[in-house]
Protein backbone atom coordinates (compact mmCIF):
# COMPACT_ATOMS: atom_id res chain seq x y z
CA UNK A 1 0.00 0.00 0.00
CA UNK A 2 2.92 2.34 -0.10
CA UNK A 3 6.50 3.02 0.79
CA UNK A 4 8.33 5.72 2.76
CA UNK A 5 8.82 7.67 -0.48
CA UNK A 6 5.38 7.11 -2.05
CA UNK A 7 2.63 6.51 0.51
CA UNK A 8 -0.90 5.73 -0.60
CA UNK A 9 -2.57 9.13 -1.06
CA UNK A 10 -5.70 8.54 1.08
CA UNK A 11 -3.58 7.94 4.17
CA UNK A 12 -1.15 10.84 3.89
CA UNK A 13 -2.90 12.71 6.71
CA UNK A 14 -3.58 9.74 8.99
CA UNK A 15 -2.17 10.51 12.44
CA UNK A 16 -4.24 8.18 14.66
CA UNK A 17 -5.44 4.65 14.04
CA UNK A 18 -7.69 2.63 16.35
CA UNK A 19 -7.94 -1.08 15.60
CA UNK A 20 -9.98 -3.73 17.34
CA UNK A 21 -9.46 -7.44 16.78
CA UNK A 22 -11.28 -10.50 18.04
CA UNK A 23 -9.47 -13.84 18.35
CA UNK A 24 -10.80 -15.36 15.10
CA UNK A 25 -9.35 -12.37 13.21
CA UNK A 26 -5.85 -12.50 14.72
CA UNK A 27 -4.30 -12.99 11.29
CA UNK A 28 -6.15 -9.96 9.90
CA UNK A 29 -4.50 -7.63 12.41
CA UNK A 30 -1.04 -8.81 11.38
CA UNK A 31 -1.93 -8.42 7.71
CA UNK A 32 -3.23 -4.90 8.32
CA UNK A 33 -0.17 -3.82 10.28
CA UNK A 34 2.20 -5.35 7.74
CA UNK A 35 0.68 -3.47 4.79
CA UNK A 36 -0.13 -0.25 6.60
CA UNK A 37 1.39 2.50 4.50
CA UNK A 38 4.16 4.63 5.89
CA UNK A 39 2.28 7.69 7.07
CA UNK A 40 2.74 10.41 9.64
CA UNK A 41 0.95 8.05 12.04
CA UNK A 42 1.60 9.25 15.59
CA UNK A 43 -0.94 7.22 17.57
CA UNK A 44 -1.85 3.55 17.36
CA UNK A 45 -4.43 2.00 19.66
CA UNK A 46 -5.15 -1.73 19.40
CA UNK A 47 -7.85 -3.50 21.39
CA UNK A 48 -7.58 -7.27 21.62
CA UNK A 49 -10.78 -9.23 22.19
CA UNK A 50 -14.43 -8.36 22.36
CA UNK A 51 -16.44 -7.09 25.31
CA UNK A 52 -17.78 -9.99 27.36
CA UNK A 53 -16.00 -12.36 24.98
CA UNK A 54 -14.82 -15.79 26.07
CA UNK A 55 -11.37 -16.05 27.61
CA UNK A 56 -8.77 -18.41 26.21
CA UNK A 57 -9.73 -18.08 22.54
CA UNK A 58 -6.40 -16.43 21.75
CA UNK A 59 -4.49 -19.70 22.24
CA UNK A 60 -6.65 -21.42 19.64
CA UNK A 61 -6.62 -18.54 17.15
CA UNK A 62 -2.90 -17.85 17.31
CA UNK A 63 -1.96 -21.53 17.15
CA UNK A 64 -3.58 -21.56 13.70
CA UNK A 65 -0.92 -18.99 12.78
CA UNK A 66 1.83 -21.22 14.16
CA UNK A 67 2.33 -18.90 17.15
CA UNK A 68 1.60 -19.03 20.85
CA UNK A 69 -0.60 -16.18 22.09
CA UNK A 70 2.45 -14.56 23.76
CA UNK A 71 4.53 -14.82 20.57
CA UNK A 72 1.60 -13.30 18.69
CA UNK A 73 2.06 -10.15 20.78
CA UNK A 74 5.78 -10.22 19.86
CA UNK A 75 4.80 -10.37 16.19
CA UNK A 76 2.37 -7.45 16.64
CA UNK A 77 5.16 -5.45 18.31
CA UNK A 78 7.52 -6.16 15.40
CA UNK A 79 4.92 -4.83 12.96
CA UNK A 80 4.30 -1.75 15.11
CA UNK A 81 8.03 -0.95 15.31
CA UNK A 82 8.27 -0.35 11.56
CA UNK A 83 5.95 2.66 12.00
CA UNK A 84 8.78 4.89 13.15
CA UNK A 85 6.76 8.11 13.51
CA UNK A 86 4.68 6.64 16.35
CA UNK A 87 4.63 8.63 19.58
CA UNK A 88 1.74 6.90 21.34
CA UNK A 89 1.13 3.13 21.43
CA UNK A 90 -1.74 1.64 23.40
CA UNK A 91 -2.41 -2.11 23.57
CA UNK A 92 -5.63 -3.01 25.38
CA UNK A 93 -7.80 -5.92 26.39
CA UNK A 94 -11.28 -5.45 27.75
CA UNK A 95 -11.55 -5.28 31.55
CA UNK A 96 -13.25 -8.66 31.81
CA UNK A 97 -10.26 -10.20 30.05
CA UNK A 98 -7.52 -8.72 32.28
CA UNK A 99 -7.31 -11.99 34.16
CA UNK A 100 -6.42 -13.90 31.00
CA UNK A 101 -2.67 -14.35 30.61
CA UNK A 102 -2.84 -15.70 27.05
CA UNK A 103 -1.79 -12.38 25.53
CA UNK A 104 1.45 -11.61 27.30
CA UNK A 105 3.72 -8.59 26.84
CA UNK A 106 7.25 -9.57 27.86
CA UNK A 107 10.88 -8.68 27.12
CA UNK A 108 10.59 -10.20 23.63
CA UNK A 109 7.60 -7.95 22.90
CA UNK A 110 9.40 -4.89 24.23
CA UNK A 111 12.55 -5.28 22.15
CA UNK A 112 11.17 -4.09 18.78
CA UNK A 113 9.34 -1.17 20.39
CA UNK A 114 12.62 0.15 21.79
CA UNK A 115 13.42 1.24 18.22
CA UNK A 116 10.61 3.83 18.42
CA UNK A 117 12.90 6.62 19.58
CA UNK A 118 10.14 9.25 19.49
CA UNK A 119 7.79 7.28 21.73
CA UNK A 120 6.17 9.52 24.33
CA UNK A 121 3.39 7.29 25.63
CA UNK A 122 3.06 3.53 26.04
CA UNK A 123 -0.06 2.04 27.56
CA UNK A 124 -0.45 -1.68 28.11
CA UNK A 125 -3.55 -3.24 29.59
CA UNK A 126 -2.20 -6.69 28.89
CA UNK A 127 -0.47 -8.97 31.36
CA UNK A 128 3.13 -7.75 31.59
CA UNK A 129 6.14 -9.86 32.50
CA UNK A 130 9.26 -7.73 32.25
CA UNK A 131 12.60 -7.71 34.02
CA UNK A 132 14.01 -4.70 35.90
CA UNK A 133 16.57 -4.39 33.06
CA UNK A 134 13.67 -3.62 30.72
CA UNK A 135 12.92 -0.46 32.73
CA UNK A 136 16.50 0.67 32.12
CA UNK A 137 16.16 -0.07 28.38
CA UNK A 138 12.92 1.93 28.22
CA UNK A 139 14.48 4.91 30.01
CA UNK A 140 17.44 4.87 27.63
CA UNK A 141 15.39 4.39 24.44
CA UNK A 142 12.54 6.75 25.29
CA UNK A 143 14.02 9.75 27.14
CA UNK A 144 10.98 11.89 26.20
CA UNK A 145 8.35 9.48 27.50
CA UNK A 146 5.66 11.20 29.55
CA UNK A 147 3.23 8.31 30.12
CA UNK A 148 4.16 4.71 30.86
CA UNK A 149 1.51 2.22 31.88
CA UNK A 150 2.71 -1.35 32.30
CA UNK A 151 -0.34 -3.51 32.91
CA UNK A 152 -1.12 -2.20 36.38
CA UNK A 153 -4.72 -3.42 36.10
CA UNK A 154 -3.81 -6.95 34.96
CA UNK A 155 -3.28 -9.02 38.05
CA UNK A 156 -2.48 -12.41 36.59
CA UNK A 157 -0.22 -14.83 38.46
CA UNK A 158 3.41 -14.07 37.70
CA UNK A 159 2.79 -10.54 36.39
CA UNK A 160 5.78 -8.31 37.02
CA UNK A 161 5.71 -6.36 40.25
CA UNK A 162 8.37 -3.71 40.41
CA UNK A 163 10.18 -2.31 43.43
CA UNK A 164 11.06 1.34 43.90
CA UNK A 165 14.68 0.36 43.18
CA UNK A 166 13.63 -1.09 39.81
CA UNK A 167 12.16 2.28 38.83
CA UNK A 168 15.29 4.39 39.45
CA UNK A 169 16.33 4.43 35.75
CA UNK A 170 13.11 6.34 35.01
CA UNK A 171 14.51 9.32 36.94
CA UNK A 172 16.41 10.03 33.70
CA UNK A 173 13.07 10.69 31.96
CA UNK A 174 12.35 14.27 33.06
CA UNK A 175 9.02 14.46 31.20
CA UNK A 176 7.50 11.37 32.84
CA UNK A 177 4.15 12.52 34.27
CA UNK A 178 2.19 9.25 34.50
CA UNK A 179 3.47 5.88 35.64
CA UNK A 180 1.24 2.83 36.05
CA UNK A 181 2.81 -0.37 37.44
CA UNK A 182 2.19 -3.21 39.85
CA UNK A 183 4.45 -2.86 42.87
CA UNK A 184 5.88 -5.37 45.33
CA UNK A 185 3.62 -6.21 48.24
CA UNK A 186 6.43 -5.63 50.70
CA UNK A 187 9.41 -3.35 51.12
CA UNK A 188 12.83 -4.66 50.10
């Protein structure tokens, strides 16, 4: 549908794109992201699932693509990372699906997004399993980030809970205004 030098004319002004995908259409989202023309797109919001939809369908749908549900999110992140003008990325599930850990955002998912040097806002309402080193990588890659939400509403077993110590690298992000995380239950 286009290239960096000759984008498809109807999308030359597109700055925000909201996509919603249900499990049976998992392959359609990848196809859409892979052919999305290079545009001045600054915001991308993707909602996974349908309101009041059944949990666990992602495993079945993504296995048809030869991927686990978690690796599907990695593949989505790879497709997103080629849209280098993005400043705001939001990946959502519906509230009733926050307890489902099929769609997992982890260090593998994060890696391609670190290439988005102009990223100012990242919102994840998916289960998040990251290491403290990933916080350091985010702070280094996104020095202008002002909003960082890392699955604070998704309380699945094994979701990452950060300590205050883990967050110290973010002190190098002077524009950070909003931070959403799960924290340790106790003090270290």
